[in-house]
Amino acid sequence: MINRFMRLIVMFDLPVVTDEEKRIYNKFRKFLLKDGYIMIQFSIYSRICKNSDDVYKHINRIKQNLPSRGNVRLLQITEKQYDDMQILVGEKETEELFSVENMIVFE
């Protein structure tokens, strides 16, 4: 079976000077966590998607929850590309150690 799994990576810089900006930042971050993303670095989150349709579904969810200011970027890569990522200092977070091989996918 061909591995169809992909990763959607969200990278963002949001203003956090005022209390309102901090609230908006926390709301966006909590949305990402609730939607199944894991933090791989500060303001960089990743989630596994089972196919392209799943990627587009999550892109649309992000668009519906975008903050009005700041910078939000998305990157879609294959699971193989994600696995080939080199970590030069540090190590993978515990959540990253759960790979697609350990997942059960209900379709």
Protein backbone atom coordinates (compact mmCIF):
# COMPACT_ATOMS: atom_id res chain seq x y z
CA MET A 1 0.00 0.00 0.00
CA ILE A 2 1.28 3.45 -0.90
CA ASN A 3 1.69 5.78 2.06
CA ARG A 4 -0.80 8.60 1.46
CA PHE A 5 -0.20 10.29 4.77
CA MET A 6 0.90 13.89 4.74
CA ARG A 7 1.84 16.53 7.26
CA LEU A 8 0.34 19.97 7.45
CA ILE A 9 2.69 22.40 9.15
CA VAL A 10 1.42 25.71 10.51
CA MET A 11 3.95 28.45 11.24
CA PHE A 12 2.84 31.74 12.73
CA ASP A 13 3.95 35.00 14.24
CA LEU A 14 1.20 36.90 16.00
CA PRO A 15 1.47 40.16 17.90
CA VAL A 16 1.35 39.68 21.69
CA VAL A 17 1.85 43.18 23.08
CA THR A 18 -1.63 43.97 24.38
CA ASP A 19 -3.87 41.75 26.52
CA GLU A 20 -6.27 41.45 23.57
CA GLU A 21 -3.46 40.29 21.25
CA LYS A 22 -2.37 37.71 23.85
CA ARG A 23 -5.96 36.46 24.08
CA ILE A 24 -6.15 36.11 20.28
CA TYR A 25 -2.78 34.29 20.22
CA ASN A 26 -3.94 31.84 22.90
CA LYS A 27 -7.26 31.28 21.15
CA PHE A 28 -5.48 30.38 17.87
CA ARG A 29 -2.99 28.13 19.65
CA LYS A 30 -5.77 26.33 21.54
CA PHE A 31 -7.68 25.87 18.28
CA LEU A 32 -4.63 24.16 16.73
CA LEU A 33 -4.20 21.83 19.71
CA LYS A 34 -7.91 20.96 19.75
CA ASP A 35 -7.75 20.24 16.00
CA GLY A 36 -5.02 17.64 16.50
CA TYR A 37 -1.84 19.63 15.94
CA ILE A 38 1.26 19.12 18.03
CA MET A 39 3.78 21.82 18.81
CA ILE A 40 7.15 20.98 17.24
CA GLN A 41 8.67 24.38 18.09
CA PHE A 42 7.28 27.63 19.44
CA SER A 43 4.70 28.86 16.91
CA ILE A 44 5.27 25.83 14.64
CA TYR A 45 2.63 23.13 14.77
CA SER A 46 2.15 19.93 12.78
CA ARG A 47 -0.56 17.37 12.23
CA ILE A 48 -0.87 14.15 10.27
CA CYS A 49 -3.46 14.09 7.50
CA LYS A 50 -4.53 10.85 5.83
CA ASN A 51 -4.80 12.27 2.29
CA SER A 52 -5.13 15.46 0.24
CA ASP A 53 -8.83 15.83 1.04
CA ASP A 54 -7.98 15.75 4.74
CA VAL A 55 -5.29 18.41 4.20
CA TYR A 56 -7.77 20.73 2.46
CA LYS A 57 -10.33 20.16 5.21
CA HIS A 58 -7.82 21.30 7.82
CA ILE A 59 -6.66 24.23 5.69
CA ASN A 60 -10.27 25.41 5.57
CA ARG A 61 -10.59 25.01 9.35
CA ILE A 62 -7.50 27.18 9.82
CA LYS A 63 -8.91 29.80 7.44
CA GLN A 64 -12.10 29.90 9.52
CA ASN A 65 -10.07 30.46 12.71
CA LEU A 66 -7.42 32.88 11.45
CA PRO A 67 -6.50 35.84 13.61
CA SER A 68 -7.02 39.18 11.88
CA ARG A 69 -3.39 40.29 12.31
CA GLY A 70 0.01 38.67 12.19
CA ASN A 71 1.54 36.14 9.85
CA VAL A 72 0.30 32.56 9.37
CA ARG A 73 1.89 30.18 6.86
CA LEU A 74 1.04 26.61 5.89
CA LEU A 75 3.32 23.96 4.44
CA GLN A 76 2.11 20.61 3.16
CA ILE A 77 4.70 17.82 2.97
CA THR A 78 4.68 14.05 2.70
CA GLU A 79 5.19 11.90 5.76
CA LYS A 80 8.46 10.70 4.22
CA GLN A 81 9.72 14.29 3.90
CA TYR A 82 8.74 14.94 7.52
CA ASP A 83 10.55 11.79 8.68
CA ASP A 84 13.67 12.91 6.79
CA MET A 85 13.77 16.23 8.68
CA GLN A 86 17.14 16.73 10.32
CA ILE A 87 17.20 17.87 13.93
CA LEU A 88 20.53 19.61 14.47
CA VAL A 89 20.13 20.46 18.16
CA GLY A 90 17.63 18.88 20.52
CA GLU A 91 15.33 15.95 19.86
CA LYS A 92 11.81 15.14 18.79
CA GLU A 93 9.03 15.93 21.20
CA THR A 94 7.20 12.94 22.70
CA GLU A 95 4.13 13.60 20.55
CA GLU A 96 6.26 13.38 17.39
CA LEU A 97 7.36 9.84 18.23
CA PHE A 98 3.89 8.56 17.39
CA SER A 99 4.23 7.81 13.69
CA VAL A 100 1.62 6.83 11.14
CA GLU A 101 2.74 3.22 11.46
CA ASN A 102 1.31 3.26 15.00
CA MET A 103 -1.99 4.82 13.95
CA ILE A 104 -5.30 3.14 13.35
CA VAL A 105 -7.24 4.94 10.65
CA PHE A 106 -10.97 4.43 10.32
CA GLU A 107 -12.33 5.24 6.90
